[in-house]
């Protein structure tokens, strides 16, 4: 599902205009990003939490050339799933392709 389909679904379920849902989602994402930039995690009860973690500098080796490279430290966005939704998803049938 892309963001437009999500917005349409929310608009239908909440009986809101698509423009209002678009503005709400845009505001929500901006507020979340602001909080994450400040180092605050953003959590949704039962659903999960977003947080920024720092990955330390590390040494990497190219397996073909055996050349060693230092990978600089960086910040990564992490999502931890809440137990409520984990439990709901684990019993769903798997898509076998």
PDB file of N, CA and C in Angstrom:
ATOM      1  N   UNK A   1       0.853  -1.174   0.000  1.00  0.00           N
ATOM      2  CA  UNK A   1       0.000   0.000   0.000  1.00  0.00           C
ATOM      3  C   UNK A   1       0.899   1.238   0.000  1.00  0.00           C
ATOM      4  N   UNK A   2       0.650   2.128  -0.916  1.00  0.00           N
ATOM      5  CA  UNK A   2       1.401   3.373  -0.934  1.00  0.00           C
ATOM      6  C   UNK A   2       0.685   4.430  -0.085  1.00  0.00           C
ATOM      7  N   UNK A   3       1.316   5.596   0.081  1.00  0.00           N
ATOM      8  CA  UNK A   3       0.750   6.596   0.987  1.00  0.00           C
ATOM      9  C   UNK A   3      -0.596   7.126   0.489  1.00  0.00           C
ATOM     10  N   UNK A   4      -0.776   7.219  -0.807  1.00  0.00           N
ATOM     11  CA  UNK A   4      -2.056   7.731  -1.334  1.00  0.00           C
ATOM     12  C   UNK A   4      -3.198   6.763  -0.995  1.00  0.00           C
ATOM     13  N   UNK A   5      -2.957   5.466  -1.174  1.00  0.00           N
ATOM     14  CA  UNK A   5      -3.979   4.462  -0.834  1.00  0.00           C
ATOM     15  C   UNK A   5      -4.276   4.492   0.662  1.00  0.00           C
ATOM     16  N   UNK A   6      -3.231   4.666   1.470  1.00  0.00           N
ATOM     17  CA  UNK A   6      -3.415   4.766   2.916  1.00  0.00           C
ATOM     18  C   UNK A   6      -4.266   5.975   3.261  1.00  0.00           C
ATOM     19  N   UNK A   7      -3.970   7.116   2.651  1.00  0.00           N
ATOM     20  CA  UNK A   7      -4.755   8.327   2.889  1.00  0.00           C
ATOM     21  C   UNK A   7      -6.213   8.132   2.491  1.00  0.00           C
ATOM     22  N   UNK A   8      -6.443   7.507   1.356  1.00  0.00           N
ATOM     23  CA  UNK A   8      -7.817   7.262   0.900  1.00  0.00           C
ATOM     24  C   UNK A   8      -8.554   6.347   1.863  1.00  0.00           C
ATOM     25  N   UNK A   9      -7.883   5.326   2.344  1.00  0.00           N
ATOM     26  CA  UNK A   9      -8.489   4.393   3.287  1.00  0.00           C
ATOM     27  C   UNK A   9      -8.841   5.083   4.604  1.00  0.00           C
ATOM     28  N   UNK A  10      -7.918   5.904   5.103  1.00  0.00           N
ATOM     29  CA  UNK A  10      -8.180   6.640   6.342  1.00  0.00           C
ATOM     30  C   UNK A  10      -9.326   7.622   6.145  1.00  0.00           C
ATOM     31  N   UNK A  11      -9.325   8.320   5.017  1.00  0.00           N
ATOM     32  CA  UNK A  11     -10.393   9.282   4.735  1.00  0.00           C
ATOM     33  C   UNK A  11     -11.757   8.593   4.720  1.00  0.00           C
ATOM     34  N   UNK A  12     -11.835   7.421   4.092  1.00  0.00           N
ATOM     35  CA  UNK A  12     -13.093   6.680   4.042  1.00  0.00           C
ATOM     36  C   UNK A  12     -13.516   6.209   5.429  1.00  0.00           C
ATOM     37  N   UNK A  13     -12.577   5.619   6.173  1.00  0.00           N
ATOM     38  CA  UNK A  13     -12.902   5.079   7.499  1.00  0.00           C
ATOM     39  C   UNK A  13     -13.267   6.166   8.499  1.00  0.00           C
ATOM     40  N   UNK A  14     -12.586   7.315   8.445  1.00  0.00           N
ATOM     41  CA  UNK A  14     -12.811   8.382   9.418  1.00  0.00           C
ATOM     42  C   UNK A  14     -13.821   9.413   8.930  1.00  0.00           C
ATOM     43  N   UNK A  15     -14.335   9.220   7.729  1.00  0.00           N
ATOM     44  CA  UNK A  15     -15.304  10.145   7.146  1.00  0.00           C
ATOM     45  C   UNK A  15     -14.733  11.568   7.109  1.00  0.00           C
ATOM     46  N   UNK A  16     -13.498  11.683   6.630  1.00  0.00           N
ATOM     47  CA  UNK A  16     -12.823  12.970   6.483  1.00  0.00           C
ATOM     48  C   UNK A  16     -12.490  13.193   5.019  1.00  0.00           C
ATOM     49  N   UNK A  17     -12.239  14.448   4.682  1.00  0.00           N
ATOM     50  CA  UNK A  17     -11.836  14.735   3.309  1.00  0.00           C
ATOM     51  C   UNK A  17     -10.391  14.281   3.106  1.00  0.00           C
ATOM     52  N   UNK A  18     -10.068  13.973   1.878  1.00  0.00           N
ATOM     53  CA  UNK A  18      -8.720  13.540   1.526  1.00  0.00           C
ATOM     54  C   UNK A  18      -7.701  14.647   1.834  1.00  0.00           C
ATOM     55  N   UNK A  19      -8.114  15.913   1.655  1.00  0.00           N
ATOM     56  CA  UNK A  19      -7.225  17.040   1.923  1.00  0.00           C
ATOM     57  C   UNK A  19      -6.878  17.116   3.411  1.00  0.00           C
ATOM     58  N   UNK A  20      -7.873  16.887   4.283  1.00  0.00           N
ATOM     59  CA  UNK A  20      -7.623  16.913   5.727  1.00  0.00           C
ATOM     60  C   UNK A  20      -6.689  15.782   6.138  1.00  0.00           C
ATOM     61  N   UNK A  21      -6.921  14.595   5.610  1.00  0.00           N
ATOM     62  CA  UNK A  21      -6.076  13.442   5.935  1.00  0.00           C
ATOM     63  C   UNK A  21      -4.658  13.693   5.441  1.00  0.00           C
ATOM     64  N   UNK A  22      -4.519  14.263   4.255  1.00  0.00           N
ATOM     65  CA  UNK A  22      -3.201  14.584   3.704  1.00  0.00           C
ATOM     66  C   UNK A  22      -2.463  15.549   4.634  1.00  0.00           C
ATOM     67  N   UNK A  23      -3.146  16.595   5.096  1.00  0.00           N
ATOM     68  CA  UNK A  23      -2.544  17.582   5.991  1.00  0.00           C
ATOM     69  C   UNK A  23      -2.179  16.947   7.336  1.00  0.00           C
ATOM     70  N   UNK A  24      -3.047  16.095   7.868  1.00  0.00           N
ATOM     71  CA  UNK A  24      -2.782  15.422   9.145  1.00  0.00           C
ATOM     72  C   UNK A  24      -1.552  14.527   9.025  1.00  0.00           C
ATOM     73  N   UNK A  25      -1.477  13.752   7.957  1.00  0.00           N
ATOM     74  CA  UNK A  25      -0.336  12.845   7.785  1.00  0.00           C
ATOM     75  C   UNK A  25       0.967  13.621   7.583  1.00  0.00           C
ATOM     76  N   UNK A  26       0.902  14.696   6.810  1.00  0.00           N
ATOM     77  CA  UNK A  26       2.090  15.527   6.593  1.00  0.00           C
ATOM     78  C   UNK A  26       2.568  16.122   7.924  1.00  0.00           C
ATOM     79  N   UNK A  27       1.645  16.619   8.720  1.00  0.00           N
ATOM     80  CA  UNK A  27       1.974  17.182  10.028  1.00  0.00           C
ATOM     81  C   UNK A  27       2.542  16.106  10.947  1.00  0.00           C
ATOM     82  N   UNK A  28       1.925  14.918  10.948  1.00  0.00           N
ATOM     83  CA  UNK A  28       2.390  13.826  11.796  1.00  0.00           C
ATOM     84  C   UNK A  28       3.827  13.436  11.455  1.00  0.00           C
ATOM     85  N   UNK A  29       4.123  13.307  10.184  1.00  0.00           N
ATOM     86  CA  UNK A  29       5.469  12.935   9.754  1.00  0.00           C
ATOM     87  C   UNK A  29       6.473  14.021  10.147  1.00  0.00           C
ATOM     88  N   UNK A  30       6.116  15.288   9.968  1.00  0.00           N
ATOM     89  CA  UNK A  30       7.013  16.380  10.328  1.00  0.00           C
ATOM     90  C   UNK A  30       7.284  16.421  11.830  1.00  0.00           C
ATOM     91  N   UNK A  31       6.252  16.226  12.648  1.00  0.00           N
ATOM     92  CA  UNK A  31       6.422  16.207  14.100  1.00  0.00           C
ATOM     93  C   UNK A  31       7.300  15.019  14.507  1.00  0.00           C
ATOM     94  N   UNK A  32       7.054  13.855  13.906  1.00  0.00           N
ATOM     95  CA  UNK A  32       7.870  12.673  14.210  1.00  0.00           C
ATOM     96  C   UNK A  32       9.336  12.926  13.862  1.00  0.00           C
ATOM     97  N   UNK A  33       9.596  13.485  12.681  1.00  0.00           N
ATOM     98  CA  UNK A  33      10.975  13.767  12.274  1.00  0.00           C
ATOM     99  C   UNK A  33      11.645  14.756  13.210  1.00  0.00           C
ATOM    100  N   UNK A  34      10.909  15.778  13.632  1.00  0.00           N
ATOM    101  CA  UNK A  34      11.464  16.749  14.577  1.00  0.00           C
ATOM    102  C   UNK A  34      11.859  16.068  15.883  1.00  0.00           C
ATOM    103  N   UNK A  35      11.006  15.198  16.388  1.00  0.00           N
ATOM    104  CA  UNK A  35      11.297  14.493  17.633  1.00  0.00           C
ATOM    105  C   UNK A  35      12.487  13.554  17.472  1.00  0.00           C
ATOM    106  N   UNK A  36      12.549  12.849  16.362  1.00  0.00           N
ATOM    107  CA  UNK A  36      13.661  11.931  16.112  1.00  0.00           C
ATOM    108  C   UNK A  36      14.981  12.695  15.984  1.00  0.00           C
ATOM    109  N   UNK A  37      14.947  13.863  15.340  1.00  0.00           N
ATOM    110  CA  UNK A  37      16.152  14.691  15.218  1.00  0.00           C
ATOM    111  C   UNK A  37      16.650  15.141  16.582  1.00  0.00           C
ATOM    112  N   UNK A  38      15.727  15.353  17.523  1.00  0.00           N
ATOM    113  CA  UNK A  38      16.092  15.778  18.876  1.00  0.00           C
ATOM    114  C   UNK A  38      16.572  14.614  19.737  1.00  0.00           C
ATOM    115  N   UNK A  39      16.449  13.393  19.215  1.00  0.00           N
ATOM    116  CA  UNK A  39      16.885  12.226  19.964  1.00  0.00           C
ATOM    117  C   UNK A  39      15.781  11.558  20.773  1.00  0.00           C
ATOM    118  N   UNK A  40      14.563  11.986  20.593  1.00  0.00           N
ATOM    119  CA  UNK A  40      13.426  11.411  21.295  1.00  0.00           C
ATOM    120  C   UNK A  40      12.814  10.303  20.454  1.00  0.00           C
ATOM    121  N   UNK A  41      12.512   9.168  21.078  1.00  0.00           N
ATOM    122  CA  UNK A  41      11.846   8.100  20.326  1.00  0.00           C
ATOM    123  C   UNK A  41      10.369   8.438  20.186  1.00  0.00           C
ATOM    124  N   UNK A  42       9.753   7.908  19.154  1.00  0.00           N
ATOM    125  CA  UNK A  42       8.330   8.122  18.900  1.00  0.00           C
ATOM    126  C   UNK A  42       7.659   6.760  18.938  1.00  0.00           C
ATOM    127  N   UNK A  43       6.715   6.591  19.876  1.00  0.00           N
ATOM    128  CA  UNK A  43       6.082   5.276  20.004  1.00  0.00           C
ATOM    129  C   UNK A  43       4.572   5.382  19.878  1.00  0.00           C
ATOM    130  N   UNK A  44       3.998   4.317  19.369  1.00  0.00           N
ATOM    131  CA  UNK A  44       2.551   4.166  19.247  1.00  0.00           C
ATOM    132  C   UNK A  44       2.183   2.929  20.047  1.00  0.00           C
ATOM    133  N   UNK A  45       1.372   3.112  21.073  1.00  0.00           N
ATOM    134  CA  UNK A  45       1.027   2.032  22.000  1.00  0.00           C
ATOM    135  C   UNK A  45       0.597   0.776  21.242  1.00  0.00           C
ATOM    136  N   UNK A  46       1.310  -0.322  21.464  1.00  0.00           N
ATOM    137  CA  UNK A  46       0.982  -1.600  20.849  1.00  0.00           C
ATOM    138  C   UNK A  46       1.527  -1.780  19.449  1.00  0.00           C
ATOM    139  N   UNK A  47       1.652  -0.691  18.696  1.00  0.00           N
ATOM    140  CA  UNK A  47       2.113  -0.772  17.303  1.00  0.00           C
ATOM    141  C   UNK A  47       3.625  -0.878  17.220  1.00  0.00           C
ATOM    142  N   UNK A  48       4.329   0.039  17.885  1.00  0.00           N
ATOM    143  CA  UNK A  48       5.783  -0.002  17.857  1.00  0.00           C
ATOM    144  C   UNK A  48       6.387   1.355  18.107  1.00  0.00           C
ATOM    145  N   UNK A  49       7.706   1.432  17.963  1.00  0.00           N
ATOM    146  CA  UNK A  49       8.419   2.672  18.245  1.00  0.00           C
ATOM    147  C   UNK A  49       9.523   2.907  17.227  1.00  0.00           C
ATOM    148  N   UNK A  50       9.687   4.167  16.871  1.00  0.00           N
ATOM    149  CA  UNK A  50      10.774   4.615  16.010  1.00  0.00           C
ATOM    150  C   UNK A  50      11.817   5.275  16.899  1.00  0.00           C
ATOM    151  N   UNK A  51      13.088   5.020  16.620  1.00  0.00           N
ATOM    152  CA  UNK A  51      14.150   5.704  17.340  1.00  0.00           C
ATOM    153  C   UNK A  51      15.383   5.785  16.460  1.00  0.00           C
ATOM    154  N   UNK A  52      16.241   6.743  16.780  1.00  0.00           N
ATOM    155  CA  UNK A  52      17.503   6.911  16.052  1.00  0.00           C
ATOM    156  C   UNK A  52      18.605   6.313  16.912  1.00  0.00           C
ATOM    157  N   UNK A  53      19.410   5.469  16.303  1.00  0.00           N
ATOM    158  CA  UNK A  53      20.544   4.858  16.999  1.00  0.00           C
ATOM    159  C   UNK A  53      21.823   5.231  16.268  1.00  0.00           C
ATOM    160  N   UNK A  54      22.895   5.337  17.051  1.00  0.00           N
ATOM    161  CA  UNK A  54      24.191   5.645  16.462  1.00  0.00           C
ATOM    162  C   UNK A  54      24.943   4.345  16.223  1.00  0.00           C
ATOM    163  N   UNK A  55      25.415   4.174  14.995  1.00  0.00           N
ATOM    164  CA  UNK A  55      26.276   3.038  14.666  1.00  0.00           C
ATOM    165  C   UNK A  55      27.710   3.534  14.739  1.00  0.00           C
ATOM    166  N   UNK A  56      28.526   2.810  15.443  1.00  0.00           N
ATOM    167  CA  UNK A  56      29.918   3.188  15.630  1.00  0.00           C
ATOM    168  C   UNK A  56      30.725   2.951  14.352  1.00  0.00           C
ATOM    169  N   UNK A  57      31.862   3.611  14.289  1.00  0.00           N
ATOM    170  CA  UNK A  57      32.794   3.397  13.184  1.00  0.00           C
ATOM    171  C   UNK A  57      33.237   1.935  13.202  1.00  0.00           C
ATOM    172  N   UNK A  58      33.430   1.357  12.009  1.00  0.00           N
ATOM    173  CA  UNK A  58      33.866  -0.038  11.962  1.00  0.00           C
ATOM    174  C   UNK A  58      34.773  -0.268  10.764  1.00  0.00           C
ATOM    175  N   UNK A  59      35.468  -1.376  10.825  1.00  0.00           N
ATOM    176  CA  UNK A  59      36.375  -1.762   9.751  1.00  0.00           C
ATOM    177  C   UNK A  59      35.667  -2.782   8.863  1.00  0.00           C
ATOM    178  N   UNK A  60      35.733  -2.572   7.563  1.00  0.00           N
ATOM    179  CA  UNK A  60      35.129  -3.486   6.607  1.00  0.00           C
ATOM    180  C   UNK A  60      36.206  -3.974   5.645  1.00  0.00           C
ATOM    181  N   UNK A  61      36.029  -5.197   5.160  1.00  0.00           N
ATOM    182  CA  UNK A  61      36.986  -5.764   4.208  1.00  0.00           C
ATOM    183  C   UNK A  61      36.229  -6.180   2.948  1.00  0.00           C
ATOM    184  N   UNK A  62      36.673  -5.686   1.797  1.00  0.00           N
ATOM    185  CA  UNK A  62      36.096  -6.083   0.523  1.00  0.00           C
ATOM    186  C   UNK A  62      36.553  -7.512   0.246  1.00  0.00           C
ATOM    187  N   UNK A  63      35.639  -8.477   0.123  1.00  0.00           N
ATOM    188  CA  UNK A  63      36.046  -9.871  -0.044  1.00  0.00           C
ATOM    189  C   UNK A  63      36.775 -10.157  -1.365  1.00  0.00           C
ATOM    190  N   UNK A  64      36.558  -9.338  -2.380  1.00  0.00           N
ATOM    191  CA  UNK A  64      37.218  -9.567  -3.665  1.00  0.00           C
ATOM    192  C   UNK A  64      38.648  -9.044  -3.678  1.00  0.00           C
ATOM    193  N   UNK A  65      38.819  -7.819  -3.177  1.00  0.00           N
ATOM    194  CA  UNK A  65      40.141  -7.194  -3.246  1.00  0.00           C
ATOM    195  C   UNK A  65      40.913  -7.295  -1.933  1.00  0.00           C
ATOM    196  N   UNK A  66      40.248  -7.701  -0.880  1.00  0.00           N
ATOM    197  CA  UNK A  66      40.826  -7.776   0.472  1.00  0.00           C
ATOM    198  C   UNK A  66      41.234  -6.399   1.002  1.00  0.00           C
ATOM    199  N   UNK A  67      40.753  -5.356   0.337  1.00  0.00           N
ATOM    200  CA  UNK A  67      41.070  -3.994   0.763  1.00  0.00           C
ATOM    201  C   UNK A  67      40.244  -3.650   2.002  1.00  0.00           C
ATOM    202  N   UNK A  68      40.902  -3.082   2.992  1.00  0.00           N
ATOM    203  CA  UNK A  68      40.236  -2.683   4.224  1.00  0.00           C
ATOM    204  C   UNK A  68      39.755  -1.241   4.099  1.00  0.00           C
ATOM    205  N   UNK A  69      38.553  -1.013   4.573  1.00  0.00           N
ATOM    206  CA  UNK A  69      37.955   0.315   4.520  1.00  0.00           C
ATOM    207  C   UNK A  69      37.338   0.623   5.875  1.00  0.00           C
ATOM    208  N   UNK A  70      37.504   1.855   6.311  1.00  0.00           N
ATOM    209  CA  UNK A  70      36.855   2.277   7.551  1.00  0.00           C
ATOM    210  C   UNK A  70      35.518   2.889   7.190  1.00  0.00           C
ATOM    211  N   UNK A  71      34.474   2.348   7.782  1.00  0.00           N
ATOM    212  CA  UNK A  71      33.133   2.878   7.576  1.00  0.00           C
ATOM    213  C   UNK A  71      32.878   3.859   8.717  1.00  0.00           C
ATOM    214  N   UNK A  72      32.588   5.120   8.391  1.00  0.00           N
ATOM    215  CA  UNK A  72      32.425   6.132   9.430  1.00  0.00           C
ATOM    216  C   UNK A  72      31.156   5.899  10.265  1.00  0.00           C
ATOM    217  N   UNK A  73      31.104   6.490  11.455  1.00  0.00           N
ATOM    218  CA  UNK A  73      29.905   6.363  12.274  1.00  0.00           C
ATOM    219  C   UNK A  73      28.724   7.039  11.586  1.00  0.00           C
ATOM    220  N   UNK A  74      27.540   6.552  11.871  1.00  0.00           N
ATOM    221  CA  UNK A  74      26.346   7.169  11.275  1.00  0.00           C
ATOM    222  C   UNK A  74      25.146   6.923  12.173  1.00  0.00           C
ATOM    223  N   UNK A  75      24.098   7.663  11.901  1.00  0.00           N
ATOM    224  CA  UNK A  75      22.844   7.518  12.629  1.00  0.00           C
ATOM    225  C   UNK A  75      21.883   6.735  11.742  1.00  0.00           C
ATOM    226  N   UNK A  76      21.165   5.779  12.345  1.00  0.00           N
ATOM    227  CA  UNK A  76      20.205   4.979  11.583  1.00  0.00           C
ATOM    228  C   UNK A  76      18.845   5.016  12.268  1.00  0.00           C
ATOM    229  N   UNK A  77      17.808   4.965  11.478  1.00  0.00           N
ATOM    230  CA  UNK A  77      16.445   4.930  11.996  1.00  0.00           C
ATOM    231  C   UNK A  77      16.064   3.475  12.229  1.00  0.00           C
ATOM    232  N   UNK A  78      15.532   3.188  13.411  1.00  0.00           N
ATOM    233  CA  UNK A  78      15.173   1.826  13.790  1.00  0.00           C
ATOM    234  C   UNK A  78      13.696   1.804  14.173  1.00  0.00           C
ATOM    235  N   UNK A  79      13.000   0.735  13.772  1.00  0.00           N
ATOM    236  CA  UNK A  79      11.609   0.539  14.185  1.00  0.00           C
ATOM    237  C   UNK A  79      11.517  -0.768  14.952  1.00  0.00           C
ATOM    238  N   UNK A  80      10.973  -0.696  16.146  1.00  0.00           N
ATOM    239  CA  UNK A  80      10.724  -1.890  16.961  1.00  0.00           C
ATOM    240  C   UNK A  80       9.224  -2.130  16.985  1.00  0.00           C
ATOM    241  N   UNK A  81       8.809  -3.304  16.577  1.00  0.00           N
ATOM    242  CA  UNK A  81       7.393  -3.649  16.535  1.00  0.00           C
ATOM    243  C   UNK A  81       6.864  -3.901  17.934  1.00  0.00           C
ATOM    244  N   UNK A  82       5.655  -3.413  18.202  1.00  0.00           N
ATOM    245  CA  UNK A  82       5.009  -3.655  19.483  1.00  0.00           C
ATOM    246  C   UNK A  82       4.469  -5.072  19.558  1.00  0.00           C
ATOM    247  N   UNK A  83       4.358  -5.599  20.757  1.00  0.00           N
ATOM    248  CA  UNK A  83       3.909  -6.981  20.942  1.00  0.00           C
ATOM    249  C   UNK A  83       2.481  -7.213  20.461  1.00  0.00           C
ATOM    250  N   UNK A  84       1.597  -6.232  20.611  1.00  0.00           N
ATOM    251  CA  UNK A  84       0.205  -6.400  20.190  1.00  0.00           C
ATOM    252  C   UNK A  84       0.124  -6.750  18.705  1.00  0.00           C
ATOM    253  N   UNK A  85       0.844  -6.009  17.887  1.00  0.00           N
ATOM    254  CA  UNK A  85       0.789  -6.247  16.445  1.00  0.00           C
ATOM    255  C   UNK A  85       1.638  -7.439  16.042  1.00  0.00           C
ATOM    256  N   UNK A  86       2.720  -7.687  16.764  1.00  0.00           N
ATOM    257  CA  UNK A  86       3.520  -8.882  16.494  1.00  0.00           C
ATOM    258  C   UNK A  86       2.653 -10.121  16.634  1.00  0.00           C
ATOM    259  N   UNK A  87       1.855 -10.164  17.708  1.00  0.00           N
ATOM    260  CA  UNK A  87       0.989 -11.321  17.959  1.00  0.00           C
ATOM    261  C   UNK A  87      -0.084 -11.465  16.891  1.00  0.00           C
ATOM    262  N   UNK A  88      -0.612 -10.339  16.387  1.00  0.00           N
ATOM    263  CA  UNK A  88      -1.650 -10.394  15.353  1.00  0.00           C
ATOM    264  C   UNK A  88      -1.094 -10.870  14.016  1.00  0.00           C
ATOM    265  N   UNK A  89       0.156 -10.537  13.721  1.00  0.00           N
ATOM    266  CA  UNK A  89       0.768 -10.862  12.436  1.00  0.00           C
ATOM    267  C   UNK A  89       1.316 -12.278  12.385  1.00  0.00           C
ATOM    268  N   UNK A  90       1.793 -12.795  13.519  1.00  0.00           N
ATOM    269  CA  UNK A  90       2.508 -14.068  13.474  1.00  0.00           C
ATOM    270  C   UNK A  90       1.666 -15.249  13.005  1.00  0.00           C
ATOM    271  N   UNK A  91       0.351 -15.192  13.157  1.00  0.00           N
ATOM    272  CA  UNK A  91      -0.505 -16.311  12.764  1.00  0.00           C
ATOM    273  C   UNK A  91      -1.101 -16.159  11.366  1.00  0.00           C
ATOM    274  N   UNK A  92      -0.740 -15.101  10.654  1.00  0.00           N
ATOM    275  CA  UNK A  92      -1.255 -14.915   9.301  1.00  0.00           C
ATOM    276  C   UNK A  92      -0.624 -15.939   8.365  1.00  0.00           C
ATOM    277  N   UNK A  93      -1.370 -16.392   7.346  1.00  0.00           N
ATOM    278  CA  UNK A  93      -0.771 -17.336   6.396  1.00  0.00           C
ATOM    279  C   UNK A  93       0.345 -16.650   5.611  1.00  0.00           C
ATOM    280  N   UNK A  94       1.379 -17.395   5.292  1.00  0.00           N
ATOM    281  CA  UNK A  94       2.510 -16.845   4.543  1.00  0.00           C
ATOM    282  C   UNK A  94       2.194 -16.826   3.056  1.00  0.00           C
ATOM    283  N   UNK A  95       2.716 -15.819   2.392  1.00  0.00           N
ATOM    284  CA  UNK A  95       2.587 -15.728   0.931  1.00  0.00           C
ATOM    285  C   UNK A  95       3.706 -16.551   0.322  1.00  0.00           C
ATOM    286  N   UNK A  96       3.364 -17.662  -0.260  1.00  0.00           N
ATOM    287  CA  UNK A  96       4.366 -18.523  -0.907  1.00  0.00           C
ATOM    288  C   UNK A  96       4.419 -18.154  -2.387  1.00  0.00           C
ATOM    289  N   UNK A  97       5.597 -17.782  -2.842  1.00  0.00           N
ATOM    290  CA  UNK A  97       5.738 -17.404  -4.260  1.00  0.00           C
ATOM    291  C   UNK A  97       6.624 -18.371  -4.973  1.00  0.00           C
TER     292      UNK A  97
END
